[in-house]
Amino acid sequence: MRDGRQWVAGGAVAVFAICVVAGLSGDGLASARSEMRAGQAAGGNEAGRREIEAFNKKYIAAHLRMDNTAVLSMWAEDGISLLPATDPLIGKEAIGKFMDEVVGRMPGYHMQKMDVDFQGIEVSGDWASEWAEEHQVVQPPPGRRMIDSYGKLRLVLRREAGGNWRITREMWNQGMTP
């Protein structure tokens, strides 16, 4: 639900994919790890890497607040999201519409936990990429099954003229439960 309204199921399109794959057709408690593991040092300059790490903190915070407007503000107008069992979502408008539709089918659900372990940050000029493993727990209304899901995420980011990084490409798929 855009236009300042909050959404109740998670965050960017990657979060919605969990709901789709799970068949689901407030307040959050989360911990986020954006430290890179030893041996996976990022390419590109250190300043660019720090910018992406700051972007990641905003990305996680927007998802935890379940703030659809904030999440969409992180997308480029020409962004594309690739999710399992769906056509590509092309453009910010299509991504927002998809998010609205999924959340509309999930009244009463609330993000309880979201862990995102961003890794492999690479920065080259105004372009960056990274991947992540994520874990989400979404609390359902009474009588419904809790969603406890793992996924893998790939982001490609572009720095726009104003200096803000935006998501241009996203790919998400179901991860393995550890």
N, C-alpha and C. Protein backbone atom coordinates (compact mmCIF):
# COMPACT_ATOMS: atom_id res chain seq x y z
N MET A 1 0.85 -1.16 0.00
CA MET A 1 0.00 0.00 0.00
C MET A 1 0.89 1.22 0.00
N ARG A 2 0.82 1.96 -1.05
CA ARG A 2 1.71 3.09 -1.20
C ARG A 2 1.09 4.34 -0.62
N ASP A 3 1.69 5.48 -0.95
CA ASP A 3 1.21 6.79 -0.52
C ASP A 3 1.24 6.94 0.98
N GLY A 4 2.33 6.51 1.61
CA GLY A 4 2.52 6.73 3.03
C GLY A 4 1.88 5.69 3.92
N ARG A 5 0.99 4.88 3.38
CA ARG A 5 0.39 3.84 4.21
C ARG A 5 1.42 2.76 4.46
N GLN A 6 1.25 2.05 5.54
CA GLN A 6 2.22 1.02 5.88
C GLN A 6 1.73 -0.33 5.38
N TRP A 7 2.66 -1.21 5.15
CA TRP A 7 2.31 -2.55 4.72
C TRP A 7 2.68 -3.51 5.82
N VAL A 8 2.04 -4.66 5.83
CA VAL A 8 2.10 -5.53 6.98
C VAL A 8 2.76 -6.87 6.73
N ALA A 9 3.45 -7.04 5.65
CA ALA A 9 3.96 -8.37 5.36
C ALA A 9 5.46 -8.45 5.19
N GLY A 10 6.13 -7.39 5.13
CA GLY A 10 7.55 -7.48 4.90
C GLY A 10 8.00 -6.28 4.12
N GLY A 11 8.91 -6.47 3.21
CA GLY A 11 9.47 -5.32 2.55
C GLY A 11 9.50 -5.44 1.06
N ALA A 12 10.58 -5.03 0.50
CA ALA A 12 10.71 -4.97 -0.94
C ALA A 12 10.24 -6.26 -1.56
N VAL A 13 10.28 -6.30 -2.83
CA VAL A 13 9.72 -7.43 -3.56
C VAL A 13 10.28 -8.75 -3.06
N ALA A 14 11.52 -8.77 -2.64
CA ALA A 14 12.10 -10.02 -2.13
C ALA A 14 11.30 -10.55 -0.96
N VAL A 15 10.85 -9.68 -0.10
CA VAL A 15 10.06 -10.10 1.04
C VAL A 15 8.72 -10.66 0.57
N PHE A 16 8.13 -10.04 -0.43
CA PHE A 16 6.85 -10.52 -0.92
C PHE A 16 6.97 -11.88 -1.57
N ALA A 17 8.12 -12.17 -2.13
CA ALA A 17 8.31 -13.47 -2.76
C ALA A 17 8.13 -14.59 -1.75
N ILE A 18 8.53 -14.36 -0.53
CA ILE A 18 8.34 -15.37 0.51
C ILE A 18 6.87 -15.71 0.64
N CYS A 19 6.03 -14.70 0.63
CA CYS A 19 4.60 -14.90 0.77
C CYS A 19 4.05 -15.67 -0.42
N VAL A 20 4.52 -15.35 -1.60
CA VAL A 20 4.06 -16.04 -2.80
C VAL A 20 4.49 -17.50 -2.76
N VAL A 21 5.76 -17.74 -2.47
CA VAL A 21 6.27 -19.10 -2.43
C VAL A 21 5.60 -19.89 -1.30
N ALA A 22 5.30 -19.22 -0.17
CA ALA A 22 4.66 -19.89 0.95
C ALA A 22 3.19 -20.16 0.67
N GLY A 23 2.65 -19.57 -0.39
CA GLY A 23 1.28 -19.84 -0.77
C GLY A 23 0.27 -18.92 -0.09
N LEU A 24 0.70 -17.80 0.41
CA LEU A 24 -0.20 -16.88 1.08
C LEU A 24 -0.83 -16.01 0.05
N SER A 25 -1.27 -16.28 -0.58
CA SER A 25 -1.66 -15.59 -1.78
C SER A 25 -2.71 -14.59 -1.39
N GLY A 26 3.72 -3.52 12.29
CA GLY A 26 3.84 -3.33 13.60
C GLY A 26 5.21 -3.20 14.06
N ASP A 27 5.08 -3.83 14.75
CA ASP A 27 6.37 -3.74 15.40
C ASP A 27 7.17 -4.95 14.97
N GLY A 28 8.41 -4.74 14.64
CA GLY A 28 9.26 -5.83 14.23
C GLY A 28 10.46 -5.92 15.13
N LEU A 29 10.92 -7.13 15.31
CA LEU A 29 12.15 -7.35 16.04
C LEU A 29 13.11 -7.96 15.05
N ALA A 30 14.26 -7.37 14.90
CA ALA A 30 15.18 -7.89 13.89
C ALA A 30 16.60 -7.67 14.29
N SER A 31 17.42 -8.47 13.73
CA SER A 31 18.85 -8.21 13.80
C SER A 31 19.33 -8.28 12.37
N ALA A 32 20.26 -7.42 12.04
CA ALA A 32 20.77 -7.39 10.67
C ALA A 32 22.27 -7.48 10.72
N ARG A 33 22.80 -8.36 9.90
CA ARG A 33 24.25 -8.48 9.80
C ARG A 33 24.65 -8.00 8.44
N SER A 34 25.48 -6.95 8.42
CA SER A 34 25.99 -6.50 7.13
C SER A 34 27.51 -6.58 7.12
N GLU A 35 28.05 -7.39 8.00
CA GLU A 35 29.50 -7.59 7.98
C GLU A 35 29.83 -8.59 6.89
N MET A 36 30.93 -8.38 6.24
CA MET A 36 31.35 -9.32 5.22
C MET A 36 32.24 -10.37 5.85
N ARG A 37 32.08 -11.61 5.43
CA ARG A 37 32.90 -12.69 5.94
C ARG A 37 34.33 -12.55 5.45
N ALA A 38 35.26 -13.05 6.23
CA ALA A 38 36.68 -13.01 5.85
C ALA A 38 36.84 -13.71 4.51
N GLY A 39 37.68 -13.14 3.68
CA GLY A 39 37.93 -13.75 2.38
C GLY A 39 36.95 -13.32 1.31
N GLN A 40 35.96 -12.49 1.66
CA GLN A 40 35.00 -12.04 0.66
C GLN A 40 35.07 -10.52 0.55
N ALA A 41 36.25 -9.99 0.58
CA ALA A 41 36.42 -8.54 0.48
C ALA A 41 35.84 -8.04 -0.83
N ALA A 42 35.26 -6.88 -0.78
CA ALA A 42 34.58 -6.33 -1.94
C ALA A 42 35.55 -5.68 -2.89
N GLY A 43 35.16 -5.69 -4.15
CA GLY A 43 35.90 -4.93 -5.15
C GLY A 43 35.48 -3.48 -5.07
N GLY A 44 36.17 -2.63 -5.76
CA GLY A 44 35.81 -1.22 -5.79
C GLY A 44 36.44 -0.47 -4.64
N ASN A 45 36.12 0.80 -4.55
CA ASN A 45 36.73 1.63 -3.53
C ASN A 45 36.03 1.50 -2.18
N GLU A 46 36.79 1.82 -1.15
CA GLU A 46 36.28 1.70 0.23
C GLU A 46 35.12 2.66 0.48
N ALA A 47 35.18 3.88 -0.04
CA ALA A 47 34.11 4.85 0.16
C ALA A 47 32.81 4.34 -0.46
N GLY A 48 32.89 3.78 -1.66
CA GLY A 48 31.70 3.22 -2.30
C GLY A 48 31.12 2.08 -1.51
N ARG A 49 31.99 1.25 -0.97
CA ARG A 49 31.53 0.13 -0.14
C ARG A 49 30.79 0.62 1.09
N ARG A 50 31.31 1.66 1.72
CA ARG A 50 30.64 2.22 2.90
C ARG A 50 29.27 2.79 2.52
N GLU A 51 29.17 3.39 1.33
CA GLU A 51 27.87 3.90 0.86
C GLU A 51 26.86 2.75 0.70
N ILE A 52 27.31 1.64 0.16
CA ILE A 52 26.41 0.49 -0.01
C ILE A 52 26.03 -0.08 1.35
N GLU A 53 26.95 -0.14 2.27
CA GLU A 53 26.62 -0.62 3.62
C GLU A 53 25.58 0.30 4.27
N ALA A 54 25.68 1.62 4.06
CA ALA A 54 24.68 2.55 4.59
C ALA A 54 23.33 2.32 3.90
N PHE A 55 23.36 2.08 2.58
CA PHE A 55 22.14 1.75 1.83
C PHE A 55 21.49 0.51 2.44
N ASN A 56 22.30 -0.50 2.74
CA ASN A 56 21.77 -1.75 3.28
C ASN A 56 21.08 -1.53 4.62
N LYS A 57 21.63 -0.66 5.45
CA LYS A 57 20.99 -0.36 6.74
C LYS A 57 19.63 0.29 6.53
N LYS A 58 19.54 1.20 5.57
CA LYS A 58 18.25 1.83 5.25
C LYS A 58 17.26 0.81 4.68
N TYR A 59 17.78 -0.08 3.84
CA TYR A 59 16.96 -1.13 3.22
C TYR A 59 16.32 -1.99 4.30
N ILE A 60 17.12 -2.43 5.25
CA ILE A 60 16.62 -3.27 6.33
C ILE A 60 15.63 -2.49 7.20
N ALA A 61 15.98 -1.25 7.56
CA ALA A 61 15.10 -0.44 8.41
C ALA A 61 13.74 -0.22 7.76
N ALA A 62 13.72 0.06 6.46
CA ALA A 62 12.45 0.26 5.75
C ALA A 62 11.59 -1.00 5.79
N HIS A 63 12.23 -2.14 5.63
CA HIS A 63 11.50 -3.40 5.68
C HIS A 63 10.96 -3.67 7.09
N LEU A 64 11.77 -3.39 8.08
CA LEU A 64 11.33 -3.65 9.45
C LEU A 64 10.16 -2.75 9.85
N ARG A 65 10.15 -1.53 9.35
CA ARG A 65 9.02 -0.62 9.60
C ARG A 65 7.81 -0.98 8.75
N MET A 66 8.04 -1.88 7.78
CA MET A 66 7.00 -2.26 6.83
C MET A 66 6.47 -1.02 6.14
N ASP A 67 7.39 -0.17 5.73
CA ASP A 67 7.08 1.13 5.11
C ASP A 67 7.23 1.02 3.60
N ASN A 68 6.13 0.77 2.93
CA ASN A 68 6.14 0.57 1.49
C ASN A 68 6.70 1.77 0.74
N THR A 69 6.37 2.97 1.18
CA THR A 69 6.85 4.17 0.51
C THR A 69 8.37 4.24 0.57
N ALA A 70 8.93 3.94 1.74
CA ALA A 70 10.39 3.97 1.89
C ALA A 70 11.06 2.89 1.04
N VAL A 71 10.47 1.72 1.00
CA VAL A 71 11.03 0.65 0.19
C VAL A 71 11.03 1.03 -1.28
N LEU A 72 9.91 1.53 -1.78
CA LEU A 72 9.83 1.91 -3.19
C LEU A 72 10.77 3.06 -3.52
N SER A 73 11.06 3.93 -2.55
CA SER A 73 11.98 5.03 -2.81
C SER A 73 13.40 4.54 -3.07
N MET A 74 13.67 3.30 -2.73
CA MET A 74 15.00 2.72 -2.94
C MET A 74 15.14 2.09 -4.32
N TRP A 75 14.07 2.08 -5.08
CA TRP A 75 14.06 1.49 -6.42
C TRP A 75 14.24 2.55 -7.49
N ALA A 76 14.99 2.22 -8.53
CA ALA A 76 15.09 3.06 -9.72
C ALA A 76 13.77 2.95 -10.49
N GLU A 77 13.43 3.99 -11.21
CA GLU A 77 12.19 3.97 -12.01
C GLU A 77 12.18 2.80 -12.98
N ASP A 78 13.34 2.43 -13.51
CA ASP A 78 13.42 1.35 -14.49
C ASP A 78 13.85 0.02 -13.86
N GLY A 79 13.68 -0.12 -12.55
CA GLY A 79 14.07 -1.34 -11.86
C GLY A 79 13.32 -2.56 -12.36
N ILE A 80 13.96 -3.71 -12.22
CA ILE A 80 13.35 -4.99 -12.61
C ILE A 80 13.56 -5.99 -11.49
N SER A 81 12.49 -6.68 -11.11
CA SER A 81 12.57 -7.71 -10.09
C SER A 81 12.24 -9.06 -10.70
N LEU A 82 13.08 -10.04 -10.40
CA LEU A 82 12.90 -11.40 -10.90
C LEU A 82 12.61 -12.31 -9.72
N LEU A 83 11.41 -12.86 -9.69
CA LEU A 83 10.96 -13.73 -8.60
C LEU A 83 10.56 -15.08 -9.16
N PRO A 84 10.58 -16.11 -8.31
CA PRO A 84 10.16 -17.42 -8.78
C PRO A 84 8.69 -17.44 -9.22
N ALA A 85 8.42 -18.17 -10.25
CA ALA A 85 7.05 -18.45 -10.71
C ALA A 85 6.24 -17.20 -11.04
N THR A 86 6.91 -16.12 -11.43
CA THR A 86 6.21 -14.91 -11.85
C THR A 86 6.89 -14.34 -13.09
N ASP A 87 6.15 -13.54 -13.82
CA ASP A 87 6.76 -12.79 -14.91
C ASP A 87 7.67 -11.73 -14.30
N PRO A 88 8.68 -11.27 -15.03
CA PRO A 88 9.51 -10.17 -14.51
C PRO A 88 8.63 -8.96 -14.18
N LEU A 89 8.93 -8.32 -13.08
CA LEU A 89 8.27 -7.07 -12.70
C LEU A 89 9.15 -5.95 -13.24
N ILE A 90 8.65 -5.23 -14.22
CA ILE A 90 9.46 -4.23 -14.91
C ILE A 90 8.94 -2.84 -14.58
N GLY A 91 9.78 -2.07 -13.92
CA GLY A 91 9.46 -0.70 -13.56
C GLY A 91 8.94 -0.57 -12.14
N LYS A 92 9.24 0.55 -11.55
CA LYS A 92 8.86 0.85 -10.17
C LYS A 92 7.35 0.75 -9.97
N GLU A 93 6.58 1.21 -10.94
CA GLU A 93 5.12 1.16 -10.82
C GLU A 93 4.63 -0.29 -10.72
N ALA A 94 5.15 -1.17 -11.57
CA ALA A 94 4.74 -2.58 -11.54
C ALA A 94 5.16 -3.25 -10.23
N ILE A 95 6.34 -2.90 -9.74
CA ILE A 95 6.82 -3.47 -8.48
C ILE A 95 5.91 -3.04 -7.34
N GLY A 96 5.55 -1.76 -7.30
CA GLY A 96 4.65 -1.26 -6.27
C GLY A 96 3.28 -1.91 -6.34
N LYS A 97 2.76 -2.10 -7.55
CA LYS A 97 1.45 -2.74 -7.72
C LYS A 97 1.48 -4.17 -7.19
N PHE A 98 2.54 -4.90 -7.53
CA PHE A 98 2.69 -6.27 -7.05
C PHE A 98 2.71 -6.30 -5.52
N MET A 99 3.49 -5.41 -4.92
CA MET A 99 3.58 -5.35 -3.47
C MET A 99 2.20 -5.09 -2.86
N ASP A 100 1.47 -4.14 -3.42
CA ASP A 100 0.13 -3.82 -2.92
C ASP A 100 -0.80 -5.02 -3.00
N GLU A 101 -0.74 -5.76 -4.10
CA GLU A 101 -1.61 -6.93 -4.27
C GLU A 101 -1.31 -8.01 -3.24
N VAL A 102 -0.03 -8.29 -3.04
CA VAL A 102 0.34 -9.34 -2.09
C VAL A 102 -0.07 -8.94 -0.67
N VAL A 103 0.25 -7.73 -0.28
CA VAL A 103 -0.08 -7.28 1.06
C VAL A 103 -1.59 -7.22 1.26
N GLY A 104 -2.31 -6.88 0.23
CA GLY A 104 -3.77 -6.84 0.32
C GLY A 104 -4.37 -8.19 0.67
N ARG A 105 -3.64 -9.26 0.35
CA ARG A 105 -4.12 -10.61 0.67
C ARG A 105 -3.65 -11.08 2.04
N MET A 106 -2.99 -10.19 2.80
CA MET A 106 -2.41 -10.62 4.07
C MET A 106 -2.79 -9.71 5.25
N PRO A 107 -4.05 -9.41 5.42
CA PRO A 107 -4.40 -8.54 6.54
C PRO A 107 -4.05 -9.21 7.88
N GLY A 108 -3.52 -8.42 8.79
CA GLY A 108 -3.21 -8.91 10.12
C GLY A 108 -1.85 -9.55 10.29
N TYR A 109 -1.06 -9.69 9.23
CA TYR A 109 0.28 -10.25 9.34
C TYR A 109 1.26 -9.14 9.74
N HIS A 110 2.27 -9.50 10.54
CA HIS A 110 3.26 -8.52 11.00
C HIS A 110 4.66 -9.12 10.98
N MET A 111 5.64 -8.35 10.52
CA MET A 111 7.03 -8.79 10.53
C MET A 111 7.49 -8.92 11.98
N GLN A 112 7.96 -10.08 12.33
CA GLN A 112 8.47 -10.30 13.68
C GLN A 112 10.00 -10.24 13.69
N LYS A 113 10.62 -10.74 12.62
CA LYS A 113 12.09 -10.81 12.58
C LYS A 113 12.54 -10.80 11.13
N MET A 114 13.67 -10.13 10.89
CA MET A 114 14.27 -10.13 9.56
C MET A 114 15.77 -10.03 9.72
N ASP A 115 16.47 -11.07 9.34
CA ASP A 115 17.93 -11.07 9.33
C ASP A 115 18.38 -11.05 7.88
N VAL A 116 19.30 -10.15 7.55
CA VAL A 116 19.85 -10.10 6.20
C VAL A 116 21.36 -10.05 6.33
N ASP A 117 22.04 -10.99 5.72
CA ASP A 117 23.50 -11.07 5.74
C ASP A 117 24.01 -10.69 4.35
N PHE A 118 24.25 -9.37 4.14
CA PHE A 118 24.76 -8.90 2.86
C PHE A 118 26.22 -9.29 2.71
N GLN A 119 26.58 -9.75 1.52
CA GLN A 119 27.94 -10.21 1.26
C GLN A 119 28.35 -9.82 -0.16
N GLY A 120 29.63 -9.95 -0.42
CA GLY A 120 30.15 -9.79 -1.77
C GLY A 120 29.90 -8.43 -2.38
N ILE A 121 29.95 -7.38 -1.59
CA ILE A 121 29.71 -6.03 -2.12
C ILE A 121 30.83 -5.69 -3.10
N GLU A 122 30.43 -5.32 -4.31
CA GLU A 122 31.39 -4.88 -5.33
C GLU A 122 30.92 -3.54 -5.87
N VAL A 123 31.82 -2.57 -5.91
CA VAL A 123 31.49 -1.23 -6.40
C VAL A 123 32.43 -0.89 -7.54
N SER A 124 31.84 -0.43 -8.65
CA SER A 124 32.63 0.02 -9.79
C SER A 124 31.99 1.30 -10.32
N GLY A 125 32.56 2.42 -9.93
CA GLY A 125 31.99 3.71 -10.34
C GLY A 125 30.61 3.90 -9.77
N ASP A 126 29.63 4.10 -10.66
CA ASP A 126 28.25 4.33 -10.24
C ASP A 126 27.42 3.05 -10.22
N TRP A 127 28.07 1.90 -10.26
CA TRP A 127 27.37 0.62 -10.22
C TRP A 127 27.89 -0.21 -9.05
N ALA A 128 27.00 -1.00 -8.47
CA ALA A 128 27.39 -1.89 -7.38
C ALA A 128 26.52 -3.14 -7.44
N SER A 129 27.04 -4.21 -6.89
CA SER A 129 26.25 -5.43 -6.75
C SER A 129 26.60 -6.09 -5.43
N GLU A 130 25.69 -6.91 -4.97
CA GLU A 130 25.87 -7.64 -3.72
C GLU A 130 24.88 -8.79 -3.69
N TRP A 131 25.12 -9.70 -2.78
CA TRP A 131 24.18 -10.79 -2.59
C TRP A 131 23.96 -10.94 -1.09
N ALA A 132 22.89 -11.65 -0.74
CA ALA A 132 22.57 -11.81 0.67
C ALA A 132 21.81 -13.10 0.91
N GLU A 133 21.93 -13.58 2.11
CA GLU A 133 21.06 -14.63 2.62
C GLU A 133 20.16 -13.95 3.63
N GLU A 134 18.88 -14.31 3.59
CA GLU A 134 17.97 -13.66 4.51
C GLU A 134 17.05 -14.67 5.18
N HIS A 135 16.57 -14.28 6.36
CA HIS A 135 15.65 -15.09 7.15
C HIS A 135 14.57 -14.17 7.69
N GLN A 136 13.33 -14.56 7.49
CA GLN A 136 12.21 -13.76 7.98
C GLN A 136 11.23 -14.63 8.76
N VAL A 137 10.69 -14.03 9.79
CA VAL A 137 9.60 -14.64 10.54
C VAL A 137 8.47 -13.63 10.52
N VAL A 138 7.32 -14.05 9.97
CA VAL A 138 6.17 -13.17 9.86
C VAL A 138 5.05 -13.77 10.71
N GLN A 139 4.58 -12.96 11.66
CA GLN A 139 3.53 -13.38 12.60
C GLN A 139 2.16 -13.24 11.94
N PRO A 140 1.40 -14.31 11.93
CA PRO A 140 0.07 -14.27 11.31
C PRO A 140 -1.00 -13.85 12.32
N PRO A 141 -2.20 -13.59 11.82
CA PRO A 141 -3.32 -13.39 12.73
C PRO A 141 -3.69 -14.75 13.34
N PRO A 142 -4.48 -14.75 14.41
CA PRO A 142 -4.85 -16.02 15.06
C PRO A 142 -5.45 -17.02 14.06
N GLY A 143 -5.04 -18.27 14.24
CA GLY A 143 -5.56 -19.34 13.40
C GLY A 143 -4.81 -19.56 12.10
N ARG A 144 -3.79 -18.78 11.84
CA ARG A 144 -3.00 -18.93 10.61
C ARG A 144 -1.60 -19.42 10.94
N ARG A 145 -0.94 -19.97 9.94
CA ARG A 145 0.41 -20.51 10.10
C ARG A 145 1.46 -19.40 10.03
N MET A 146 2.42 -19.44 10.97
CA MET A 146 3.53 -18.49 10.96
C MET A 146 4.39 -18.76 9.73
N ILE A 147 4.92 -17.70 9.16
CA ILE A 147 5.84 -17.82 8.03
C ILE A 147 7.25 -17.72 8.58
N ASP A 148 8.02 -18.75 8.39
CA ASP A 148 9.42 -18.79 8.81
C ASP A 148 10.19 -19.22 7.57
N SER A 149 10.78 -18.25 6.88
CA SER A 149 11.30 -18.51 5.55
C SER A 149 12.73 -18.01 5.38
N TYR A 150 13.46 -18.69 4.52
CA TYR A 150 14.82 -18.31 4.17
C TYR A 150 14.88 -18.03 2.67
N GLY A 151 15.73 -17.09 2.28
CA GLY A 151 15.87 -16.79 0.87
C GLY A 151 17.26 -16.31 0.54
N LYS A 152 17.51 -16.23 -0.77
CA LYS A 152 18.77 -15.69 -1.29
C LYS A 152 18.40 -14.52 -2.19
N LEU A 153 19.20 -13.48 -2.12
CA LEU A 153 18.90 -12.23 -2.79
C LEU A 153 20.12 -11.73 -3.53
N ARG A 154 19.91 -11.17 -4.71
CA ARG A 154 20.97 -10.53 -5.49
C ARG A 154 20.48 -9.15 -5.87
N LEU A 155 21.25 -8.12 -5.56
CA LEU A 155 20.90 -6.75 -5.92
C LEU A 155 21.96 -6.15 -6.83
N VAL A 156 21.50 -5.38 -7.81
CA VAL A 156 22.37 -4.53 -8.61
C VAL A 156 21.89 -3.12 -8.36
N LEU A 157 22.81 -2.24 -7.99
CA LEU A 157 22.47 -0.86 -7.63
C LEU A 157 23.16 0.11 -8.56
N ARG A 158 22.52 1.26 -8.74
CA ARG A 158 23.09 2.32 -9.56
C ARG A 158 23.01 3.63 -8.78
N ARG A 159 24.11 4.38 -8.78
CA ARG A 159 24.10 5.69 -8.15
C ARG A 159 23.50 6.67 -9.16
N GLU A 160 22.45 7.36 -8.74
CA GLU A 160 21.79 8.31 -9.63
C GLU A 160 22.44 9.67 -9.52
N ALA A 161 22.01 10.59 -10.38
CA ALA A 161 22.62 11.92 -10.47
C ALA A 161 22.69 12.63 -9.12
N GLY A 162 21.71 12.46 -8.26
CA GLY A 162 21.71 13.11 -6.94
C GLY A 162 22.62 12.44 -5.93
N GLY A 163 23.25 11.33 -6.32
CA GLY A 163 24.16 10.62 -5.43
C GLY A 163 23.51 9.46 -4.67
N ASN A 164 22.19 9.30 -4.79
CA ASN A 164 21.51 8.20 -4.10
C ASN A 164 21.63 6.90 -4.88
N TRP A 165 21.87 5.83 -4.15
CA TRP A 165 21.89 4.50 -4.75
C TRP A 165 20.46 4.00 -4.87
N ARG A 166 20.15 3.35 -5.99
CA ARG A 166 18.82 2.78 -6.23
C ARG A 166 18.98 1.36 -6.75
N ILE A 167 18.01 0.53 -6.44
CA ILE A 167 17.99 -0.85 -6.93
C ILE A 167 17.55 -0.82 -8.40
N THR A 168 18.38 -1.40 -9.26
CA THR A 168 18.00 -1.51 -10.67
C THR A 168 17.59 -2.93 -11.03
N ARG A 169 18.15 -3.90 -10.34
CA ARG A 169 17.82 -5.30 -10.57
C ARG A 169 17.82 -6.03 -9.23
N GLU A 170 16.83 -6.91 -9.10
CA GLU A 170 16.74 -7.74 -7.91
C GLU A 170 16.34 -9.14 -8.36
N MET A 171 16.98 -10.12 -7.75
CA MET A 171 16.59 -11.50 -7.98
C MET A 171 16.50 -12.17 -6.61
N TRP A 172 15.42 -12.89 -6.38
CA TRP A 172 15.22 -13.58 -5.11
C TRP A 172 14.79 -15.00 -5.39
N ASN A 173 15.27 -15.92 -4.56
CA ASN A 173 14.74 -17.27 -4.60
C ASN A 173 14.77 -17.87 -3.21
N GLN A 174 14.03 -18.94 -3.06
CA GLN A 174 13.91 -19.62 -1.77
C GLN A 174 15.25 -20.16 -1.35
N GLY A 175 15.60 -19.98 -0.09
CA GLY A 175 16.84 -20.52 0.46
C GLY A 175 16.58 -21.79 1.24
N MET A 176 17.64 -22.39 1.68
CA MET A 176 17.57 -23.62 2.46
C MET A 176 17.52 -23.28 3.94
N THR A 177 16.71 -24.01 4.68
CA THR A 177 16.70 -23.86 6.12
C THR A 177 17.99 -24.44 6.66
N PRO A 178 18.73 -23.67 7.48
CA PRO A 178 20.01 -24.19 7.99
C PRO A 178 19.82 -25.41 8.87
